[in-house]
Amino acid sequence: MRSVIIIIAYLAVDINVEANPTVYTEYGKVMGLYVDNARIFFGVPYSAPPVGEHRWKPPRPPAKWSPSVFNATRDPFACPQKCHLPPHTCPNKTSEDCLTLTVFTPLTSTPASKAPVMVFFHGGSFRQGSGYSLLQDGRYIANHTDTIVVFVNYRLGALGFLVSGVGKDAANGNYGILDQRFALEWVRDNIANFGGDPNKVTIFGQSAGAQSVGIHLASSKSDSLFHYAIMESNPLSLPLRSRLGAEILGSYFAAELGCKTGDINCMRSKHVDEIVSAQQNTSTKIVNPFRLLELFEPWGPYIDGDDITEQSIDSFTKGHFQKKPIILGTTSDEARANLFGAITEPMDKFHYYKYVIVTLTIHSYKVLHKYPPLSSGDQREKLSIAGHPYLFACPTRDAARHISYHSDLSIWTYVFDHALSFDAWGPDFNFCRH
């Protein structure tokens, strides 16, 4: 059924407007699709294209297309990336003109419905993934819960998080987070016409998307744009880079492109394929040998001192977060895919000791006592067992305790360990089958 739906999305070019759902936005009318028991509006622009001189600039409103009707019936472009994710998760096509969102509604939605709204930020280590894939399809939530579901594209990798240069034309990073907030502003201003209630908005996200939710929870700039939050597997022990660390990575990136450090004009002149290639080639660069965990997420948000002022785990510990109902939890054996994806070669005992000691420093002795290396074989197996509580389970429980301590909120935690009923991993993720 899913494959048929996506084929329809590709072929739906010459469509009778009267036979398809249409909704007004502040930029003009959009035309979507009726599928199963839902309506879908694919790839609706919430920002102008971040291209040319607007590459590495904050998002800005799109141009109005009225009186024309925007065709939202086709599978949308994702942001540029080199995707290495399980099947049905990578996008079919990419473009720098990618700041769009996809809206799923029940068939019966009208502007008078005032249904709850859920806005999803996808995962992918801030380098890959998209706001629409077959594995993450919002029509089922919309249909079964009478909810408006919005999936958001945001800039990824170097295009979304480069820090380089000085002055008004510098690349100041965190553009992916600015994109997400801009999409939330679009939801506030337009979702009522799709049947949603802008006063009942839940943001939720998985992995890097959950990190994004945590950042918005700690930011006063996002406060008025949502009312509930769900964090699905936020790797709270994974550190955000410092400004200096982000600048060093930016210098590696510029050199890979053949540009001088901070030469934004040179970097803007490069083709997007060169940008993605340079991004990949610098992803394994060690910026800080005492923070090897940064290799799990080389491109992503950094502490800029303005929008992001501290590590997310510290925001919860200190009570520096918006006091709103929150759900947070993890998936069993969560670190395995991240670790095997970041460390692609088998690990010996020496490197096992090295990773544990460098990462955990004064606590490494206790950890090595509880999680000694295997007697032989690939030590990544044991490191993933030790890594799961460190990266996910323990900091999530710690955050839940502090959220409860600092407020009288209703909070919920969960562990997801349901065995998938289909091959969701494919040939490149054999290490996730046990």
Protein backbone atom coordinates (compact mmCIF):
# COMPACT_ATOMS: atom_id res chain seq x y z
CA MET A 1 0.00 0.00 0.00
CA ARG A 2 2.75 2.46 0.87
CA SER A 3 4.60 1.97 -2.40
CA VAL A 4 1.41 2.59 -4.35
CA ILE A 5 0.85 5.83 -2.47
CA ILE A 6 4.30 7.15 -3.24
CA ILE A 7 3.90 6.32 -6.93
CA ILE A 8 0.71 8.33 -6.97
CA ALA A 9 2.61 11.23 -5.41
CA TYR A 10 5.16 11.11 -8.22
CA LEU A 11 2.62 10.92 -11.02
CA ALA A 12 0.18 13.50 -9.68
CA VAL A 13 1.13 16.37 -11.98
CA ASP A 14 -1.97 17.16 -14.02
CA ILE A 15 -4.65 17.12 -11.35
CA ASN A 16 -8.11 18.60 -11.29
CA VAL A 17 -8.09 21.17 -8.51
CA GLU A 18 -11.77 20.53 -7.80
CA ALA A 19 -11.09 16.83 -7.10
CA ASN A 20 -8.34 17.47 -4.57
CA PRO A 21 -8.23 19.16 -1.17
CA THR A 22 -7.23 22.80 -1.24
CA VAL A 23 -6.33 25.03 1.70
CA TYR A 24 -5.51 28.72 1.92
CA THR A 25 -2.25 29.90 3.47
CA GLU A 26 -0.94 33.44 3.87
CA TYR A 27 1.16 32.88 0.71
CA GLY A 28 -1.59 31.41 -1.47
CA LYS A 29 -3.70 28.32 -1.94
CA VAL A 30 -2.14 24.83 -1.74
CA MET A 31 -3.52 21.68 -3.36
CA GLY A 32 -2.93 18.29 -1.78
CA LEU A 33 -4.01 14.67 -2.13
CA TYR A 34 -6.69 12.41 -0.74
CA VAL A 35 -5.10 9.09 0.28
CA ASP A 36 -6.54 6.31 2.43
CA ASN A 37 -8.30 8.10 5.28
CA ALA A 38 -6.24 11.26 5.26
CA ARG A 39 -5.26 14.33 3.29
CA ILE A 40 -1.61 15.05 2.50
CA PHE A 41 -0.03 18.36 1.47
CA PHE A 42 3.53 17.61 0.37
CA GLY A 43 6.43 20.06 0.48
CA VAL A 44 4.68 23.33 1.35
CA PRO A 45 7.31 26.13 1.50
CA TYR A 46 7.68 27.83 4.86
CA SER A 47 10.81 29.77 3.84
CA ALA A 48 12.37 31.17 0.70
CA PRO A 49 15.15 28.98 -0.78
CA PRO A 50 18.43 29.36 1.19
CA VAL A 51 20.54 29.51 -1.96
CA GLY A 52 23.11 31.83 -3.56
CA GLU A 53 23.82 34.81 -1.34
CA HIS A 54 21.27 33.40 1.14
CA ARG A 55 23.29 30.26 1.77
CA TRP A 56 24.30 30.42 5.45
CA LYS A 57 21.72 33.08 6.23
CA PRO A 58 18.68 32.90 8.54
CA PRO A 59 15.40 31.74 6.93
CA ARG A 60 13.10 34.35 5.45
CA PRO A 61 9.48 34.27 4.23
CA PRO A 62 8.78 32.68 0.85
CA ALA A 63 7.41 34.73 -2.03
CA LYS A 64 3.64 34.64 -2.37
CA TRP A 65 2.40 32.40 -5.20
CA SER A 66 -1.20 33.66 -5.15
CA PRO A 67 -3.28 33.75 -7.36
CA SER A 68 -1.61 30.53 -8.56
CA VAL A 69 -2.25 27.29 -6.67
CA PHE A 70 0.79 25.54 -5.17
CA ASN A 71 0.92 21.89 -6.21
CA ALA A 72 1.51 19.97 -2.97
CA THR A 73 0.88 16.53 -4.46
CA ARG A 74 4.43 15.37 -5.10
CA ASP A 75 7.03 13.72 -2.90
CA PRO A 76 9.08 16.70 -1.61
CA PHE A 77 12.81 17.37 -1.92
CA ALA A 78 14.89 16.78 1.19
CA CYS A 79 17.86 18.93 2.15
CA PRO A 80 21.26 18.01 0.61
CA GLN A 81 22.96 15.04 2.24
CA LYS A 82 24.74 11.77 1.75
CA CYS A 83 22.23 9.46 3.36
CA HIS A 84 23.24 6.23 5.08
CA LEU A 85 20.13 5.21 6.96
CA PRO A 86 17.92 2.09 7.01
CA PRO A 87 15.57 1.41 4.07
CA HIS A 88 12.50 3.60 3.59
CA THR A 89 14.19 6.39 5.56
CA CYS A 90 16.50 8.11 3.05
CA PRO A 91 14.91 10.68 0.73
CA ASN A 92 14.29 10.01 -2.94
CA LYS A 93 15.63 13.39 -4.03
CA THR A 94 17.41 16.40 -2.55
CA SER A 95 17.78 20.11 -3.27
CA GLU A 96 19.02 23.23 -1.50
CA ASP A 97 15.51 24.55 -2.05
CA CYS A 98 14.26 22.28 0.72
CA LEU A 99 12.75 24.42 3.46
CA THR A 100 9.31 22.89 3.23
CA LEU A 101 6.94 20.97 5.45
CA THR A 102 4.42 18.20 4.80
CA VAL A 103 1.01 18.33 6.44
CA PHE A 104 -1.19 15.30 7.17
CA THR A 105 -4.81 15.79 8.22
CA PRO A 106 -7.87 13.58 8.72
CA LEU A 107 -10.31 13.54 5.81
CA THR A 108 -12.89 15.49 7.75
CA SER A 109 -10.66 18.39 8.78
CA THR A 110 -12.02 21.90 8.26
CA PRO A 111 -10.92 25.30 9.58
CA ALA A 112 -13.47 24.76 12.36
CA SER A 113 -11.98 21.45 13.53
CA LYS A 114 -9.40 22.91 15.94
CA ALA A 115 -7.63 19.56 16.19
CA PRO A 116 -4.40 19.13 18.17
CA VAL A 117 -1.22 19.63 16.14
CA MET A 118 1.97 17.55 16.23
CA VAL A 119 5.14 18.90 14.60
CA PHE A 120 7.90 16.35 13.96
CA PHE A 121 11.66 17.01 13.68
CA HIS A 122 13.42 14.07 12.07
CA GLY A 123 16.64 12.46 13.25
CA GLY A 124 19.82 11.60 11.37
CA SER A 125 22.66 13.19 13.37
CA PHE A 126 21.80 16.59 11.83
CA ARG A 127 23.38 15.30 8.58
CA GLN A 128 20.73 13.13 6.96
CA GLY A 129 17.05 12.26 6.94
CA SER A 130 14.04 14.24 5.81
CA GLY A 131 10.65 15.60 6.74
CA TYR A 132 8.95 12.84 4.79
CA SER A 133 9.78 9.16 4.29
CA LEU A 134 7.81 5.96 3.97
CA LEU A 135 9.01 4.78 7.37
CA GLN A 136 7.85 8.00 9.02
CA ASP A 137 4.43 8.67 7.59
CA GLY A 138 2.13 11.00 9.48
CA ARG A 139 -1.11 9.91 7.85
CA TYR A 140 -1.52 7.06 10.35
CA ILE A 141 -1.28 9.33 13.37
CA ALA A 142 -3.60 11.83 11.73
CA ASN A 143 -6.16 9.16 10.85
CA HIS A 144 -6.18 7.26 14.15
CA THR A 145 -5.95 10.20 16.56
CA ASP A 146 -7.77 12.99 14.73
CA THR A 147 -4.61 15.08 14.83
CA ILE A 148 -2.92 17.42 12.35
CA VAL A 149 0.65 16.17 11.82
CA VAL A 150 3.42 18.33 10.34
CA PHE A 151 6.82 16.98 9.25
CA VAL A 152 9.57 19.57 8.84
CA ASN A 153 12.65 19.77 6.61
CA TYR A 154 15.52 21.80 8.04
CA ARG A 155 19.04 22.47 6.78
CA LEU A 156 21.54 19.73 7.54
CA GLY A 157 25.28 19.26 7.84
CA ALA A 158 27.54 22.13 6.86
CA LEU A 159 24.67 23.94 5.12
CA GLY A 160 22.77 24.01 8.41
CA PHE A 161 25.52 24.37 11.00
CA LEU A 162 28.70 25.88 9.54
CA VAL A 163 30.49 28.40 11.78
CA SER A 164 33.07 30.39 9.84
CA GLY A 165 34.22 33.96 9.30
CA VAL A 166 33.62 37.19 11.19
CA GLY A 167 31.44 40.23 10.67
CA LYS A 168 27.94 40.61 9.28
CA ASP A 169 28.54 38.14 6.45
CA ALA A 170 29.92 35.36 8.66
CA ALA A 171 28.36 31.91 8.88
CA ASN A 172 27.12 31.76 12.47
CA GLY A 173 25.73 28.23 12.49
CA ASN A 174 22.58 26.82 14.09
CA TYR A 175 20.63 27.57 10.89
CA GLY A 176 18.87 24.21 11.17
CA ILE A 177 17.46 25.26 14.55
CA LEU A 178 16.41 28.64 13.13
CA ASP A 179 14.66 26.79 10.30
CA GLN A 180 12.72 24.68 12.76
CA ARG A 181 11.58 27.74 14.67
CA PHE A 182 10.58 29.45 11.43
CA ALA A 183 8.49 26.39 10.55
CA LEU A 184 6.80 26.63 13.96
CA GLU A 185 5.95 30.25 13.19
CA TRP A 186 4.38 29.07 9.91
CA VAL A 187 2.34 26.53 11.88
CA ARG A 188 1.18 29.25 14.27
CA ASP A 189 0.03 31.45 11.39
CA ASN A 190 -1.42 28.86 8.98
CA ILE A 191 -2.33 25.57 10.63
CA ALA A 192 -5.87 26.66 11.56
CA ASN A 193 -6.83 26.59 7.88
CA PHE A 194 -5.79 22.91 7.76
CA GLY A 195 -8.01 22.15 10.76
CA GLY A 196 -5.41 22.52 13.51
CA ASP A 197 -5.46 24.48 16.75
CA PRO A 198 -2.37 26.74 16.97
CA ASN A 199 -2.86 26.77 20.76
CA LYS A 200 -2.43 22.98 21.03
CA VAL A 201 0.93 22.33 19.37
CA THR A 202 3.15 19.43 20.41
CA ILE A 203 6.71 19.28 19.08
CA PHE A 204 8.29 15.86 18.94
CA GLY A 205 11.40 14.37 17.43
CA GLN A 206 13.65 11.34 17.35
CA SER A 207 17.42 11.32 18.04
CA ALA A 208 18.73 14.60 16.54
CA GLY A 209 15.09 15.64 16.34
CA ALA A 210 14.76 14.98 20.07
CA GLN A 211 17.89 17.07 20.65
CA SER A 212 16.14 19.82 18.71
CA VAL A 213 13.10 19.54 20.97
CA GLY A 214 15.37 19.87 24.01
CA ILE A 215 16.95 22.99 22.54
CA HIS A 216 13.55 24.58 21.88
CA LEU A 217 12.45 23.70 25.43
CA ALA A 218 15.42 25.68 26.75
CA SER A 219 14.99 28.66 24.42
CA SER A 220 12.79 31.62 25.27
CA LYS A 221 12.61 32.42 21.54
CA SER A 222 10.60 29.24 20.95
CA ASP A 223 8.44 29.51 24.06
CA SER A 224 5.24 30.85 22.50
CA LEU A 225 5.32 28.47 19.52
CA PHE A 226 4.43 25.15 21.18
CA HIS A 227 2.69 23.82 24.27
CA TYR A 228 3.79 20.20 24.76
CA ALA A 229 6.97 18.27 23.96
CA ILE A 230 8.04 14.68 23.28
CA MET A 231 11.69 13.66 23.16
CA GLU A 232 12.25 10.30 21.50
CA SER A 233 15.80 9.14 22.30
CA ASN A 234 17.60 12.38 23.05
CA PRO A 235 21.34 11.51 23.41
CA LEU A 236 21.71 13.95 26.30
CA SER A 237 25.30 12.93 27.07
CA LEU A 238 26.41 13.84 23.56
CA PRO A 239 28.03 17.28 23.95
CA LEU A 240 27.20 20.25 21.78
CA ARG A 241 30.32 21.90 20.40
CA SER A 242 31.77 25.10 21.77
CA ARG A 243 32.15 28.13 19.49
CA LEU A 244 35.88 27.38 19.18
CA GLY A 245 35.25 23.75 18.29
CA ALA A 246 32.70 24.75 15.65
CA GLU A 247 35.15 27.27 14.16
CA ILE A 248 37.92 24.67 13.97
CA LEU A 249 35.61 22.29 12.12
CA GLY A 250 34.67 25.20 9.84
CA SER A 251 38.33 25.77 9.01
CA TYR A 252 38.76 22.10 8.08
CA PHE A 253 35.67 22.39 5.88
CA ALA A 254 36.94 25.51 4.10
CA ALA A 255 40.30 23.87 3.40
CA GLU A 256 38.53 20.81 1.98
CA LEU A 257 36.72 23.14 -0.45
CA GLY A 258 39.96 24.87 -1.41
CA CYS A 259 38.92 28.10 0.31
CA LYS A 260 40.62 30.19 2.96
CA THR A 261 39.23 29.99 6.47
CA GLY A 262 36.26 32.32 6.77
CA ASP A 263 36.02 33.06 3.02
CA ILE A 264 32.24 32.76 2.77
CA ASN A 265 32.12 34.06 -0.80
CA CYS A 266 34.46 31.28 -1.90
CA MET A 267 32.36 28.68 -0.10
CA ARG A 268 29.12 30.09 -1.52
CA SER A 269 30.56 29.74 -5.01
CA LYS A 270 30.87 25.97 -4.66
CA HIS A 271 28.32 23.54 -6.06
CA VAL A 272 26.11 21.87 -3.49
CA ASP A 273 27.64 18.47 -4.33
CA GLU A 274 31.06 19.88 -3.39
CA ILE A 275 29.60 21.13 -0.12
CA VAL A 276 28.21 17.69 0.77
CA SER A 277 31.46 15.98 -0.22
CA ALA A 278 33.58 18.36 1.88
CA GLN A 279 31.15 17.91 4.76
CA GLN A 280 31.59 14.14 4.60
CA ASN A 281 35.37 14.37 4.34
CA THR A 282 35.64 16.55 7.44
CA SER A 283 33.20 14.52 9.53
CA THR A 284 35.95 12.22 10.81
CA LYS A 285 38.27 15.08 11.82
CA ILE A 286 39.06 15.11 15.54
CA VAL A 287 38.54 18.65 16.75
CA ASN A 288 39.08 17.95 20.44
CA PRO A 289 40.85 14.69 21.42
CA PHE A 290 39.23 14.89 24.86
CA ARG A 291 35.72 15.01 23.36
CA LEU A 292 35.70 12.03 21.03
CA LEU A 293 31.93 11.77 21.36
CA GLU A 294 31.72 14.71 18.97
CA LEU A 295 32.56 12.22 16.20
CA PHE A 296 29.08 10.76 16.63
CA GLU A 297 27.61 14.10 15.54
CA PRO A 298 30.27 16.20 13.80
CA TRP A 299 27.78 18.67 12.33
CA GLY A 300 25.08 20.03 14.55
CA PRO A 301 24.11 22.78 16.99
CA TYR A 302 26.76 24.53 19.04
CA ILE A 303 26.62 26.72 22.15
CA ASP A 304 26.43 30.18 20.63
CA GLY A 305 25.82 32.05 23.91
CA ASP A 306 22.61 33.57 22.60
CA ASP A 307 20.03 31.07 21.43
CA ILE A 308 21.83 28.07 22.95
CA THR A 309 23.56 28.99 26.19
CA GLU A 310 24.42 25.61 27.72
CA GLN A 311 24.35 21.84 27.24
CA SER A 312 20.80 20.47 27.13
CA ILE A 313 21.35 18.17 30.09
CA ASP A 314 22.45 21.23 32.12
CA SER A 315 19.27 23.08 31.11
CA PHE A 316 17.18 20.34 32.71
CA THR A 317 19.47 20.01 35.73
CA LYS A 318 19.30 23.74 36.47
CA GLY A 319 15.62 24.17 35.68
CA HIS A 320 16.32 26.35 32.63
CA PHE A 321 13.50 24.96 30.51
CA GLN A 322 9.91 25.78 29.68
CA LYS A 323 7.52 24.26 32.19
CA LYS A 324 5.30 22.30 29.82
CA PRO A 325 4.03 18.69 29.80
CA ILE A 326 6.84 16.46 28.52
CA ILE A 327 7.24 12.82 27.42
CA LEU A 328 10.77 11.46 27.14
CA GLY A 329 12.22 8.00 26.69
CA THR A 330 14.64 5.72 24.91
CA THR A 331 14.85 2.63 22.73
CA SER A 332 16.54 -0.51 23.99
CA ASP A 333 20.17 -0.99 22.83
CA GLU A 334 20.05 2.55 21.49
CA ALA A 335 23.78 3.17 21.16
CA ARG A 336 24.49 0.26 18.81
CA ALA A 337 23.50 1.90 15.53
CA ASN A 338 25.22 5.16 16.46
CA LEU A 339 28.45 3.50 17.57
CA PHE A 340 28.80 1.03 14.71
CA GLY A 341 27.92 3.80 12.27
CA ALA A 342 30.56 6.16 13.67
CA ILE A 343 33.30 3.53 14.21
CA THR A 344 33.23 1.54 11.00
CA GLU A 345 36.17 -0.79 11.69
CA PRO A 346 36.38 -3.54 14.33
CA MET A 347 37.87 -2.36 17.63
CA ASP A 348 40.63 -4.03 19.64
CA LYS A 349 41.11 -3.94 23.42
CA PHE A 350 43.57 -1.04 23.31
CA HIS A 351 41.11 1.24 21.56
CA TYR A 352 38.32 0.08 23.86
CA TYR A 353 40.34 1.24 26.88
CA LYS A 354 41.24 4.44 25.04
CA TYR A 355 37.64 5.38 24.26
CA VAL A 356 36.42 4.67 27.78
CA ILE A 357 39.30 6.48 29.51
CA VAL A 358 39.26 9.55 27.26
CA THR A 359 35.47 9.86 27.37
CA LEU A 360 34.82 9.15 31.05
CA THR A 361 38.16 10.29 32.58
CA ILE A 362 37.85 10.08 36.38
CA HIS A 363 34.91 7.64 36.17
CA SER A 364 36.58 5.32 33.67
CA TYR A 365 37.93 2.91 36.32
CA LYS A 366 34.44 2.19 37.67
CA VAL A 367 33.06 1.79 34.15
CA LEU A 368 35.85 -0.58 33.10
CA HIS A 369 35.24 -2.60 36.25
CA LYS A 370 31.54 -2.94 35.40
CA TYR A 371 32.06 -3.24 31.64
CA PRO A 372 35.40 -4.99 31.06
CA PRO A 373 36.39 -5.67 27.44
CA LEU A 374 35.53 -8.93 25.75
CA SER A 375 38.19 -11.61 25.96
CA SER A 376 38.47 -11.45 22.17
CA GLY A 377 36.70 -10.17 19.09
CA ASP A 378 35.23 -6.82 18.11
CA GLN A 379 35.11 -4.60 21.19
CA ARG A 380 32.42 -2.40 19.64
CA GLU A 381 29.95 -4.99 20.93
CA LYS A 382 30.90 -4.27 24.54
CA LEU A 383 31.27 -0.53 23.94
CA SER A 384 27.70 -0.35 22.64
CA ILE A 385 26.47 -2.14 25.79
CA ALA A 386 28.27 0.41 27.97
CA GLY A 387 27.36 3.30 25.67
CA HIS A 388 23.59 2.86 25.85
CA PRO A 389 23.16 3.81 29.52
CA TYR A 390 25.77 6.55 29.19
CA LEU A 391 24.37 8.24 26.09
CA PHE A 392 20.66 7.60 26.48
CA ALA A 393 19.11 5.75 29.42
CA CYS A 394 20.84 7.35 32.41
CA PRO A 395 20.75 11.00 31.26
CA THR A 396 17.12 10.58 30.23
CA ARG A 397 16.19 9.35 33.70
CA ASP A 398 18.28 12.15 35.20
CA ALA A 399 16.48 14.73 33.06
CA ALA A 400 13.10 13.31 34.06
CA ARG A 401 14.01 13.59 37.75
CA HIS A 402 15.09 17.21 37.38
CA ILE A 403 12.05 18.14 35.32
CA SER A 404 9.92 16.74 38.14
CA TYR A 405 12.02 18.52 40.78
CA HIS A 406 11.82 21.94 39.12
CA SER A 407 8.10 21.87 38.34
CA ASP A 408 4.79 20.24 39.12
CA LEU A 409 4.44 19.16 35.50
CA SER A 410 2.90 15.98 34.24
CA ILE A 411 5.83 14.05 32.77
CA TRP A 412 6.01 10.54 31.34
CA THR A 413 8.91 8.24 30.50
CA TYR A 414 9.01 5.12 28.34
CA VAL A 415 11.27 2.42 26.91
CA PHE A 416 10.58 1.22 23.36
CA ASP A 417 11.69 -2.37 22.77
CA HIS A 418 9.09 -3.69 20.33
CA ALA A 419 10.58 -6.15 17.85
CA LEU A 420 9.93 -4.90 14.32
CA SER A 421 7.72 -7.12 12.20
CA PHE A 422 9.53 -6.30 8.94
CA ASP A 423 13.10 -5.83 7.74
CA ALA A 424 13.59 -2.23 8.76
CA TRP A 425 17.39 -2.40 8.81
CA GLY A 426 18.49 -3.61 5.38
CA PRO A 427 21.93 -4.98 4.46
CA ASP A 428 23.99 -2.08 5.86
CA PHE A 429 22.76 -2.41 9.43
CA ASN A 430 23.37 -6.09 10.13
CA PHE A 431 24.80 -5.15 13.52
CA CYS A 432 21.29 -4.11 14.58
CA ARG A 433 19.92 -7.64 14.13
CA HIS A 434 20.21 -9.87 17.13
